[in-house]
């Protein structure tokens, strides 16, 4: 039977978040979930899409990519057309982050969150959501300080973690070997009120019982609470 080295099945990897790692960006963080590292930046633009202008709102969107050397074998750059996986992940990040803001309070402004995977070892989308929110929060704080917006649009904090079933065992925050061998794979997004924003799951090579599902949610909720603690130390 598979046995993890260095952590129990209900223990996530060490999460660290460094802020202001990029000189030119409006807001930036580097987040690590174990060996997975993602650079998350937030840029602002005083233009909004036509539909947001019609509704007198601001906008928030996200982009996601993996650097060529982020994986064991070189990943081709997304030139001209992004692969389907990347599109699906950036839509997930965008939905999760938009849920955390009141777009009416961003009136006239767009925030673009970029998540670039520096090193991939499983959980890149969940790390991107957690780090992307940190970059967003830092950007919003600066917009308030510079009086670009009148009131704080952030409704709650957002974080995410993965979980799955490996060798018939439920475990949280899968690294790449575990994710590759998972019978069931889930990504869970929550806010700091204990509410779920999104649950993505699939049976990769097996099935899951209701007890398995409850175990996955319980492990993810406990882990995400710990991740919020790391976020709080970073954001203050």
Protein backbone atom coordinates (compact mmCIF):
# COMPACT_ATOMS: atom_id res chain seq x y z
CA UNK A 1 0.00 0.00 0.00
CA UNK A 2 1.22 3.48 -0.89
CA UNK A 3 2.65 5.47 2.05
CA UNK A 4 3.51 9.16 1.94
CA UNK A 5 6.95 10.26 3.05
CA UNK A 6 7.16 13.17 5.46
CA UNK A 7 3.44 13.85 5.91
CA UNK A 8 0.20 12.11 6.73
CA UNK A 9 -2.73 11.70 4.34
CA UNK A 10 -4.59 14.63 5.92
CA UNK A 11 -1.57 16.95 5.90
CA UNK A 12 -0.99 19.45 3.10
CA UNK A 13 2.44 20.47 1.91
CA UNK A 14 4.18 23.51 3.36
CA UNK A 15 2.65 26.67 1.92
CA UNK A 16 4.71 29.84 1.68
CA UNK A 17 3.82 33.21 0.13
CA UNK A 18 6.30 36.00 -0.65
CA UNK A 19 4.90 39.35 -1.72
CA UNK A 20 6.30 42.16 -3.88
CA UNK A 21 8.65 39.85 -5.76
CA UNK A 22 8.36 41.76 -9.06
CA UNK A 23 9.62 45.33 -9.40
CA UNK A 24 7.44 46.44 -12.31
CA UNK A 25 4.10 44.86 -11.44
CA UNK A 26 1.40 46.67 -9.49
CA UNK A 27 1.11 43.69 -7.14
CA UNK A 28 2.89 40.36 -7.06
CA UNK A 29 3.44 37.25 -4.96
CA UNK A 30 5.33 34.01 -5.33
CA UNK A 31 3.43 31.11 -3.79
CA UNK A 32 4.73 27.63 -3.07
CA UNK A 33 2.78 24.48 -2.33
CA UNK A 34 5.72 22.23 -1.55
CA UNK A 35 7.76 22.07 -4.76
CA UNK A 36 5.05 23.72 -6.84
CA UNK A 37 5.84 27.40 -7.34
CA UNK A 38 3.64 29.97 -9.07
CA UNK A 39 4.26 33.66 -9.75
CA UNK A 40 0.99 35.58 -9.39
CA UNK A 41 0.75 39.22 -10.44
CA UNK A 42 -2.10 41.73 -10.60
CA UNK A 43 -2.20 44.59 -13.09
CA UNK A 44 -4.79 47.35 -13.34
CA UNK A 45 -6.27 49.04 -16.41
CA UNK A 46 -8.65 52.00 -16.61
CA UNK A 47 -10.59 50.29 -19.41
CA UNK A 48 -13.35 47.73 -18.95
CA UNK A 49 -15.10 45.41 -21.43
CA UNK A 50 -18.18 46.89 -23.16
CA UNK A 51 -20.63 44.76 -21.16
CA UNK A 52 -19.12 45.95 -17.86
CA UNK A 53 -19.25 49.57 -19.05
CA UNK A 54 -22.94 49.18 -19.88
CA UNK A 55 -23.61 47.87 -16.37
CA UNK A 56 -21.39 50.58 -14.83
CA UNK A 57 -19.12 47.97 -13.26
CA UNK A 58 -15.46 47.08 -13.16
CA UNK A 59 -14.03 43.75 -14.28
CA UNK A 60 -11.61 41.07 -13.15
CA UNK A 61 -10.05 38.39 -15.31
CA UNK A 62 -7.23 35.87 -15.00
CA UNK A 63 -4.66 34.23 -17.24
CA UNK A 64 -2.65 31.08 -16.55
CA UNK A 65 0.41 29.55 -18.18
CA UNK A 66 3.25 27.17 -17.46
CA UNK A 67 6.83 28.13 -18.23
CA UNK A 68 8.70 25.70 -20.53
CA UNK A 69 11.01 24.48 -17.76
CA UNK A 70 8.24 24.15 -15.15
CA UNK A 71 7.75 20.47 -15.98
CA UNK A 72 10.13 17.48 -16.13
CA UNK A 73 10.17 17.55 -19.92
CA UNK A 74 10.07 20.92 -21.66
CA UNK A 75 6.56 22.27 -22.17
CA UNK A 76 5.99 24.07 -25.45
CA UNK A 77 5.07 27.73 -25.11
CA UNK A 78 1.46 28.74 -25.76
CA UNK A 79 1.97 30.76 -28.94
CA UNK A 80 -1.11 31.73 -30.90
CA UNK A 81 -3.40 29.20 -29.23
CA UNK A 82 -3.53 28.09 -25.61
CA UNK A 83 -4.04 24.41 -24.83
CA UNK A 84 -7.43 23.33 -23.53
CA UNK A 85 -6.14 22.55 -20.05
CA UNK A 86 -4.73 26.08 -19.64
CA UNK A 87 -7.99 27.66 -20.82
CA UNK A 88 -10.01 25.58 -18.37
CA UNK A 89 -7.69 26.45 -15.47
CA UNK A 90 -7.65 30.20 -16.12
CA UNK A 91 -11.45 30.21 -16.31
CA UNK A 92 -11.53 28.48 -12.92
CA UNK A 93 -9.14 31.07 -11.46
CA UNK A 94 -11.15 33.93 -12.93
CA UNK A 95 -14.47 32.61 -11.57
CA UNK A 96 -13.02 32.06 -8.10
CA UNK A 97 -11.48 35.53 -7.88
CA UNK A 98 -14.48 37.36 -9.37
CA UNK A 99 -16.68 35.75 -6.73
CA UNK A 100 -14.61 37.51 -4.06
CA UNK A 101 -15.17 41.08 -5.30
CA UNK A 102 -18.04 43.51 -5.70
CA UNK A 103 -17.53 44.61 -9.31
CA UNK A 104 -19.67 47.71 -8.82
CA UNK A 105 -17.02 49.06 -6.45
CA UNK A 106 -14.37 48.58 -9.16
CA UNK A 107 -16.32 50.83 -11.52
CA UNK A 108 -14.16 51.93 -14.45
CA UNK A 109 -11.27 49.60 -13.60
CA UNK A 110 -10.15 46.18 -14.75
CA UNK A 111 -7.83 43.96 -12.72
CA UNK A 112 -5.89 41.29 -14.61
CA UNK A 113 -4.40 38.49 -12.52
CA UNK A 114 -1.62 36.50 -14.22
CA UNK A 115 -0.55 33.14 -12.83
CA UNK A 116 2.66 31.75 -14.30
CA UNK A 117 3.84 28.35 -13.10
CA UNK A 118 7.58 28.41 -12.41
CA UNK A 119 7.79 24.83 -11.16
CA UNK A 120 5.06 22.19 -11.34
CA UNK A 121 4.68 19.34 -8.86
CA UNK A 122 0.89 19.00 -8.69
CA UNK A 123 -1.69 21.51 -7.50
CA UNK A 124 -0.76 24.34 -9.86
CA UNK A 125 -4.37 25.52 -10.25
CA UNK A 126 -5.07 25.49 -6.51
CA UNK A 127 -1.84 27.36 -5.74
CA UNK A 128 -2.72 29.85 -8.49
CA UNK A 129 -6.10 30.58 -6.91
CA UNK A 130 -4.63 31.10 -3.44
CA UNK A 131 -1.72 33.20 -4.72
CA UNK A 132 -3.89 35.01 -7.25
CA UNK A 133 -6.16 36.18 -4.46
CA UNK A 134 -3.15 37.53 -2.54
CA UNK A 135 -2.01 39.52 -5.58
CA UNK A 136 -5.57 40.80 -6.02
CA UNK A 137 -5.81 41.88 -2.37
CA UNK A 138 -2.49 43.73 -2.53
CA UNK A 139 -3.59 45.51 -5.72
CA UNK A 140 -6.91 46.55 -4.18
CA UNK A 141 -5.17 47.92 -1.09
CA UNK A 142 -2.93 50.07 -3.30
CA UNK A 143 -5.90 51.26 -5.35
CA UNK A 144 -7.56 52.40 -2.13
CA UNK A 145 -4.39 54.14 -0.95
CA UNK A 146 -4.09 55.94 -4.30
CA UNK A 147 -7.82 56.84 -4.19
CA UNK A 148 -8.49 55.10 -7.49
CA UNK A 149 -11.54 53.47 -5.91
CA UNK A 150 -13.67 54.73 -3.03
CA UNK A 151 -14.37 51.57 -1.04
CA UNK A 152 -12.97 48.08 -0.62
CA UNK A 153 -14.58 45.70 -3.15
CA UNK A 154 -13.32 42.49 -1.53
CA UNK A 155 -16.12 40.51 0.08
CA UNK A 156 -14.06 37.62 1.44
CA UNK A 157 -10.76 35.81 1.01
CA UNK A 158 -10.36 32.82 -1.28
CA UNK A 159 -8.09 29.75 -1.13
CA UNK A 160 -7.96 26.34 -2.72
CA UNK A 161 -6.46 22.87 -2.35
CA UNK A 162 -6.66 19.51 -4.09
CA UNK A 163 -7.51 16.09 -2.71
CA UNK A 164 -7.96 12.63 -4.11
CA UNK A 165 -8.04 8.90 -3.68
CA UNK A 166 -4.71 7.16 -4.17
CA UNK A 167 -4.32 3.43 -3.67
CA UNK A 168 -7.80 3.45 -2.06
CA UNK A 169 -6.70 6.14 0.45
CA UNK A 170 -8.13 9.65 0.72
CA UNK A 171 -5.38 12.27 0.90
CA UNK A 172 -5.13 16.03 0.57
CA UNK A 173 -2.87 18.28 -1.56
CA UNK A 174 -1.60 15.74 -4.07
CA UNK A 175 1.88 16.13 -5.50
CA UNK A 176 2.58 15.12 -9.11
CA UNK A 177 3.26 11.37 -8.56
CA UNK A 178 0.13 11.12 -6.40
CA UNK A 179 -1.98 13.10 -8.85
CA UNK A 180 -0.79 10.88 -11.71
CA UNK A 181 -1.78 7.75 -9.79
CA UNK A 182 -5.05 9.11 -8.37
CA UNK A 183 -8.20 7.04 -8.79
CA UNK A 184 -10.27 10.12 -7.96
CA UNK A 185 -9.10 13.73 -8.20
CA UNK A 186 -10.76 16.85 -6.74
CA UNK A 187 -10.06 20.59 -6.54
CA UNK A 188 -11.91 22.54 -3.88
CA UNK A 189 -12.24 26.34 -3.62
CA UNK A 190 -13.54 27.97 -0.43
CA UNK A 191 -13.85 31.40 1.14
CA UNK A 192 -12.87 32.39 4.65
CA UNK A 193 -16.51 32.14 5.76
CA UNK A 194 -16.37 28.38 5.29
CA UNK A 195 -18.45 28.48 2.10
CA UNK A 196 -17.70 26.59 -1.12
CA UNK A 197 -17.09 28.54 -4.32
CA UNK A 198 -16.34 25.59 -6.57
CA UNK A 199 -15.78 21.84 -6.43
CA UNK A 200 -14.21 20.11 -9.43
CA UNK A 201 -13.94 16.36 -9.38
CA UNK A 202 -13.64 13.32 -11.57
CA UNK A 203 -13.09 9.60 -11.38
CA UNK A 204 -9.76 9.12 -13.13
CA UNK A 205 -9.41 5.37 -12.73
CA UNK A 206 -11.91 4.27 -10.11
CA UNK A 207 -15.06 5.20 -8.23
CA UNK A 208 -15.89 7.12 -5.08
CA UNK A 209 -18.41 6.54 -2.31
CA UNK A 210 -20.34 9.22 -0.44
CA UNK A 211 -18.03 8.54 2.54
CA UNK A 212 -15.01 9.18 0.29
CA UNK A 213 -16.54 12.46 -0.87
CA UNK A 214 -17.24 13.57 2.70
CA UNK A 215 -13.67 12.67 3.65
CA UNK A 216 -12.29 14.73 0.76
CA UNK A 217 -14.36 17.77 1.77
CA UNK A 218 -13.38 17.42 5.43
CA UNK A 219 -9.67 17.22 4.60
CA UNK A 220 -9.87 20.13 2.18
CA UNK A 221 -11.73 22.34 4.65
CA UNK A 222 -9.15 21.73 7.38
CA UNK A 223 -6.26 22.33 4.99
CA UNK A 224 -7.79 25.50 3.53
CA UNK A 225 -8.26 26.94 7.02
CA UNK A 226 -4.52 26.50 7.55
CA UNK A 227 -3.80 28.13 4.18
CA UNK A 228 -5.91 31.13 5.20
CA UNK A 229 -3.59 31.50 8.17
CA UNK A 230 -0.60 31.77 5.82
CA UNK A 231 -2.53 34.28 3.68
CA UNK A 232 -3.26 36.39 6.74
CA UNK A 233 0.42 36.57 7.68
CA UNK A 234 1.23 37.74 4.16
CA UNK A 235 -1.60 40.26 3.77
CA UNK A 236 -1.82 41.50 7.35
